[in-house]
Amino acid sequence: MTNTFSTANPARPKISILQKSNHFKIILLELEKGSKLKEHKASGRAKIFVVSGTIEYRSLHEIVSLSHSDTYDIPLEEIHEVVALEPSKFLLIIG
């Protein structure tokens, strides 16, 4: 897994792989307020599911605010970043 994660403050994102198979991966990401996942792109199907807190999905096309239980399908090959507006946990479902 390529490290595409950075933060605006000293707190580092906590990343836990919850489940992994040949066809999909479920990752739990925990971000402190102001932390972000720097610009990157999804090369395959990916979905965000917010467990707690509020995050912003930012791309050249849109900025989407997501909170508890919100989901978002990440467009293929779209360069984007994710920023935590408050302490947040979300699942990244790939595959």
N, C-alpha and C. Protein backbone atom coordinates (compact mmCIF):
# COMPACT_ATOMS: atom_id res chain seq x y z
N MET A 1 0.85 -1.18 0.00
CA MET A 1 0.00 0.00 0.00
C MET A 1 0.89 1.23 0.00
N THR A 2 0.69 2.12 -0.94
CA THR A 2 1.47 3.34 -1.04
C THR A 2 1.02 4.32 0.04
N ASN A 3 1.95 4.96 0.70
CA ASN A 3 1.60 5.94 1.72
C ASN A 3 1.25 7.26 1.07
N THR A 4 -0.05 7.57 0.97
CA THR A 4 -0.51 8.82 0.38
C THR A 4 -1.10 9.72 1.45
N PHE A 5 -0.68 9.52 2.69
CA PHE A 5 -1.31 10.21 3.79
C PHE A 5 -0.37 11.26 4.38
N SER A 6 -0.93 12.42 4.67
CA SER A 6 -0.17 13.47 5.35
C SER A 6 -1.13 14.22 6.25
N THR A 7 -0.58 15.01 7.14
CA THR A 7 -1.43 15.78 8.03
C THR A 7 -0.97 17.22 8.09
N ALA A 8 -1.91 18.10 8.39
CA ALA A 8 -1.59 19.52 8.55
C ALA A 8 -1.06 19.78 9.95
N ASN A 9 -1.26 18.85 10.88
CA ASN A 9 -0.76 18.97 12.24
C ASN A 9 0.05 17.72 12.58
N PRO A 10 0.68 17.67 13.75
CA PRO A 10 1.55 16.54 14.06
C PRO A 10 0.84 15.19 14.15
N ALA A 11 -0.45 15.17 14.39
CA ALA A 11 -1.18 13.90 14.52
C ALA A 11 -1.19 13.16 13.18
N ARG A 12 -0.84 11.90 13.20
CA ARG A 12 -0.83 11.08 11.99
C ARG A 12 -2.15 10.31 11.91
N PRO A 13 -2.65 10.08 10.71
CA PRO A 13 -3.85 9.27 10.58
C PRO A 13 -3.61 7.87 11.12
N LYS A 14 -4.60 7.29 11.72
CA LYS A 14 -4.52 5.90 12.16
C LYS A 14 -5.22 5.08 11.08
N ILE A 15 -4.52 4.08 10.58
CA ILE A 15 -5.02 3.27 9.47
C ILE A 15 -5.05 1.82 9.90
N SER A 16 -6.23 1.19 9.82
CA SER A 16 -6.37 -0.22 10.19
C SER A 16 -7.07 -0.97 9.07
N ILE A 17 -6.45 -2.03 8.57
CA ILE A 17 -7.10 -2.87 7.58
C ILE A 17 -7.99 -3.84 8.33
N LEU A 18 -9.31 -3.72 8.15
CA LEU A 18 -10.27 -4.54 8.88
C LEU A 18 -10.51 -5.88 8.20
N GLN A 19 -10.52 -5.87 6.87
CA GLN A 19 -10.74 -7.09 6.12
C GLN A 19 -10.12 -6.95 4.75
N LYS A 20 -9.55 -8.06 4.26
CA LYS A 20 -8.86 -8.02 2.97
C LYS A 20 -9.02 -9.38 2.29
N SER A 21 -9.32 -9.33 0.99
CA SER A 21 -9.37 -10.55 0.19
C SER A 21 -8.78 -10.22 -1.18
N ASN A 22 -8.86 -11.16 -2.10
CA ASN A 22 -8.38 -10.91 -3.46
C ASN A 22 -9.27 -9.93 -4.21
N HIS A 23 -10.49 -9.69 -3.71
CA HIS A 23 -11.47 -8.88 -4.45
C HIS A 23 -11.82 -7.55 -3.80
N PHE A 24 -11.54 -7.40 -2.50
CA PHE A 24 -11.89 -6.15 -1.83
C PHE A 24 -11.03 -5.95 -0.59
N LYS A 25 -11.07 -4.71 -0.09
CA LYS A 25 -10.37 -4.36 1.14
C LYS A 25 -11.23 -3.36 1.89
N ILE A 26 -11.32 -3.51 3.21
CA ILE A 26 -12.03 -2.54 4.05
C ILE A 26 -11.01 -1.96 5.03
N ILE A 27 -10.85 -0.64 4.96
CA ILE A 27 -9.85 0.07 5.76
C ILE A 27 -10.57 1.08 6.65
N LEU A 28 -10.21 1.10 7.93
CA LEU A 28 -10.71 2.13 8.85
C LEU A 28 -9.65 3.21 8.96
N LEU A 29 -10.05 4.45 8.70
CA LEU A 29 -9.15 5.60 8.82
C LEU A 29 -9.67 6.50 9.92
N GLU A 30 -8.75 6.94 10.79
CA GLU A 30 -9.09 7.85 11.87
C GLU A 30 -8.24 9.10 11.71
N LEU A 31 -8.90 10.24 11.63
CA LEU A 31 -8.20 11.53 11.43
C LEU A 31 -8.57 12.49 12.54
N GLU A 32 -7.57 13.24 13.01
CA GLU A 32 -7.81 14.32 13.95
C GLU A 32 -8.29 15.54 13.17
N LYS A 33 -8.91 16.49 13.85
CA LYS A 33 -9.38 17.72 13.21
C LYS A 33 -8.21 18.39 12.48
N GLY A 34 -8.43 18.75 11.22
CA GLY A 34 -7.42 19.42 10.42
C GLY A 34 -6.48 18.49 9.67
N SER A 35 -6.49 17.20 10.00
CA SER A 35 -5.65 16.24 9.29
C SER A 35 -6.23 15.98 7.91
N LYS A 36 -5.36 15.57 6.98
CA LYS A 36 -5.87 15.28 5.66
C LYS A 36 -5.10 14.15 5.00
N LEU A 37 -5.77 13.52 4.06
CA LEU A 37 -5.14 12.56 3.16
C LEU A 37 -4.80 13.38 1.94
N LYS A 38 -3.51 13.51 1.63
CA LYS A 38 -3.10 14.39 0.53
C LYS A 38 -3.65 13.90 -0.80
N GLU A 39 -3.57 14.73 -1.81
CA GLU A 39 -4.13 14.41 -3.13
C GLU A 39 -3.62 13.08 -3.65
N HIS A 40 -4.56 12.29 -4.13
CA HIS A 40 -4.28 10.99 -4.73
C HIS A 40 -5.48 10.63 -5.59
N LYS A 41 -5.44 9.48 -6.27
CA LYS A 41 -6.59 9.06 -7.04
C LYS A 41 -6.87 7.58 -6.81
N ALA A 42 -8.12 7.24 -6.93
CA ALA A 42 -8.55 5.85 -6.80
C ALA A 42 -8.41 5.19 -8.16
N SER A 43 -7.64 4.13 -8.22
CA SER A 43 -7.45 3.43 -9.50
C SER A 43 -8.48 2.33 -9.70
N GLY A 44 -9.28 2.08 -8.67
CA GLY A 44 -10.35 1.09 -8.75
C GLY A 44 -11.58 1.60 -8.03
N ARG A 45 -12.63 0.79 -8.00
CA ARG A 45 -13.86 1.18 -7.32
C ARG A 45 -13.58 1.39 -5.83
N ALA A 46 -14.08 2.51 -5.30
CA ALA A 46 -13.89 2.81 -3.88
C ALA A 46 -15.08 3.61 -3.35
N LYS A 47 -15.40 3.36 -2.07
CA LYS A 47 -16.52 4.04 -1.43
C LYS A 47 -16.09 4.46 -0.03
N ILE A 48 -16.55 5.65 0.38
CA ILE A 48 -16.34 6.14 1.74
C ILE A 48 -17.63 5.92 2.52
N PHE A 49 -17.50 5.45 3.76
CA PHE A 49 -18.62 5.36 4.70
C PHE A 49 -18.16 6.00 6.00
N VAL A 50 -18.81 7.10 6.40
CA VAL A 50 -18.40 7.84 7.60
C VAL A 50 -19.00 7.18 8.84
N VAL A 51 -18.11 6.81 9.77
CA VAL A 51 -18.52 6.18 11.02
C VAL A 51 -18.83 7.26 12.07
N SER A 52 -17.96 8.28 12.14
CA SER A 52 -18.19 9.37 13.09
C SER A 52 -17.42 10.61 12.61
N GLY A 53 -17.87 11.77 13.08
CA GLY A 53 -17.22 13.02 12.71
C GLY A 53 -17.71 13.56 11.38
N THR A 54 -16.97 14.53 10.85
CA THR A 54 -17.30 15.16 9.57
C THR A 54 -16.01 15.33 8.77
N ILE A 55 -16.08 14.91 7.51
CA ILE A 55 -14.94 15.05 6.60
C ILE A 55 -15.40 15.77 5.34
N GLU A 56 -14.44 16.30 4.61
CA GLU A 56 -14.72 16.87 3.29
C GLU A 56 -13.95 16.09 2.25
N TYR A 57 -14.66 15.67 1.21
CA TYR A 57 -14.05 15.08 0.03
C TYR A 57 -13.86 16.24 -0.93
N ARG A 58 -12.62 16.48 -1.35
CA ARG A 58 -12.31 17.62 -2.22
C ARG A 58 -11.67 17.15 -3.51
N SER A 59 -12.26 17.57 -4.63
CA SER A 59 -11.69 17.30 -5.95
C SER A 59 -11.75 18.58 -6.76
N LEU A 60 -11.25 18.53 -7.98
CA LEU A 60 -11.34 19.70 -8.86
C LEU A 60 -12.79 19.99 -9.25
N HIS A 61 -13.66 18.98 -9.14
CA HIS A 61 -15.05 19.10 -9.58
C HIS A 61 -16.02 19.49 -8.48
N GLU A 62 -15.67 19.14 -7.22
CA GLU A 62 -16.63 19.38 -6.15
C GLU A 62 -15.97 19.27 -4.78
N ILE A 63 -16.67 19.82 -3.79
CA ILE A 63 -16.34 19.62 -2.39
C ILE A 63 -17.60 19.09 -1.73
N VAL A 64 -17.48 17.91 -1.12
CA VAL A 64 -18.65 17.26 -0.51
C VAL A 64 -18.37 17.08 0.98
N SER A 65 -19.27 17.58 1.82
CA SER A 65 -19.17 17.39 3.26
C SER A 65 -19.93 16.12 3.63
N LEU A 66 -19.27 15.24 4.38
CA LEU A 66 -19.85 13.96 4.76
C LEU A 66 -19.79 13.79 6.27
N SER A 67 -20.90 13.36 6.88
CA SER A 67 -20.99 13.15 8.32
C SER A 67 -21.49 11.74 8.61
N HIS A 68 -21.70 11.45 9.89
CA HIS A 68 -22.09 10.13 10.37
C HIS A 68 -23.09 9.43 9.45
N SER A 69 -22.74 8.25 9.01
CA SER A 69 -23.53 7.33 8.16
C SER A 69 -23.66 7.76 6.70
N ASP A 70 -23.03 8.88 6.31
CA ASP A 70 -23.02 9.27 4.90
C ASP A 70 -22.08 8.36 4.11
N THR A 71 -22.42 8.15 2.84
CA THR A 71 -21.55 7.39 1.94
C THR A 71 -21.25 8.23 0.71
N TYR A 72 -20.14 7.87 0.05
CA TYR A 72 -19.77 8.58 -1.17
C TYR A 72 -18.97 7.63 -2.05
N ASP A 73 -19.40 7.48 -3.31
CA ASP A 73 -18.68 6.67 -4.28
C ASP A 73 -17.61 7.56 -4.92
N ILE A 74 -16.37 7.17 -4.77
CA ILE A 74 -15.26 7.94 -5.32
C ILE A 74 -15.15 7.65 -6.82
N PRO A 75 -15.22 8.67 -7.66
CA PRO A 75 -15.10 8.45 -9.10
C PRO A 75 -13.72 7.88 -9.47
N LEU A 76 -13.70 6.97 -10.43
CA LEU A 76 -12.46 6.38 -10.89
C LEU A 76 -11.52 7.44 -11.43
N GLU A 77 -10.26 7.31 -11.10
CA GLU A 77 -9.19 8.16 -11.62
C GLU A 77 -9.33 9.65 -11.28
N GLU A 78 -10.21 10.01 -10.34
CA GLU A 78 -10.37 11.41 -9.96
C GLU A 78 -9.36 11.77 -8.86
N ILE A 79 -8.57 12.80 -9.09
CA ILE A 79 -7.64 13.27 -8.08
C ILE A 79 -8.45 13.97 -6.99
N HIS A 80 -8.18 13.58 -5.74
CA HIS A 80 -8.95 14.13 -4.63
C HIS A 80 -8.12 14.08 -3.34
N GLU A 81 -8.62 14.76 -2.32
CA GLU A 81 -8.07 14.67 -0.97
C GLU A 81 -9.23 14.63 0.01
N VAL A 82 -8.95 14.19 1.23
CA VAL A 82 -9.97 14.13 2.28
C VAL A 82 -9.44 14.90 3.48
N VAL A 83 -10.27 15.81 4.02
CA VAL A 83 -9.88 16.64 5.15
C VAL A 83 -10.87 16.43 6.29
N ALA A 84 -10.35 16.26 7.52
CA ALA A 84 -11.21 16.10 8.70
C ALA A 84 -11.58 17.46 9.26
N LEU A 85 -12.88 17.75 9.32
CA LEU A 85 -13.36 19.01 9.90
C LEU A 85 -13.47 18.92 11.41
N GLU A 86 -13.47 17.70 11.91
CA GLU A 86 -13.48 17.39 13.35
C GLU A 86 -12.89 15.99 13.48
N PRO A 87 -12.59 15.53 14.69
CA PRO A 87 -12.09 14.16 14.80
C PRO A 87 -13.07 13.21 14.11
N SER A 88 -12.54 12.38 13.22
CA SER A 88 -13.42 11.58 12.35
C SER A 88 -12.88 10.17 12.14
N LYS A 89 -13.82 9.25 11.92
CA LYS A 89 -13.49 7.87 11.54
C LYS A 89 -14.34 7.55 10.31
N PHE A 90 -13.71 6.93 9.31
CA PHE A 90 -14.48 6.50 8.16
C PHE A 90 -13.89 5.24 7.58
N LEU A 91 -14.76 4.47 6.91
CA LEU A 91 -14.33 3.27 6.24
C LEU A 91 -14.07 3.60 4.79
N LEU A 92 -13.02 3.02 4.25
CA LEU A 92 -12.74 3.08 2.82
C LEU A 92 -12.90 1.66 2.32
N ILE A 93 -13.87 1.47 1.45
CA ILE A 93 -14.17 0.14 0.91
C ILE A 93 -13.69 0.13 -0.54
N ILE A 94 -12.72 -0.72 -0.81
CA ILE A 94 -12.09 -0.78 -2.12
C ILE A 94 -12.41 -2.13 -2.77
N GLY A 95 -12.87 -2.06 -4.02
CA GLY A 95 -13.14 -3.31 -4.75
C GLY A 95 -14.57 -3.45 -5.17
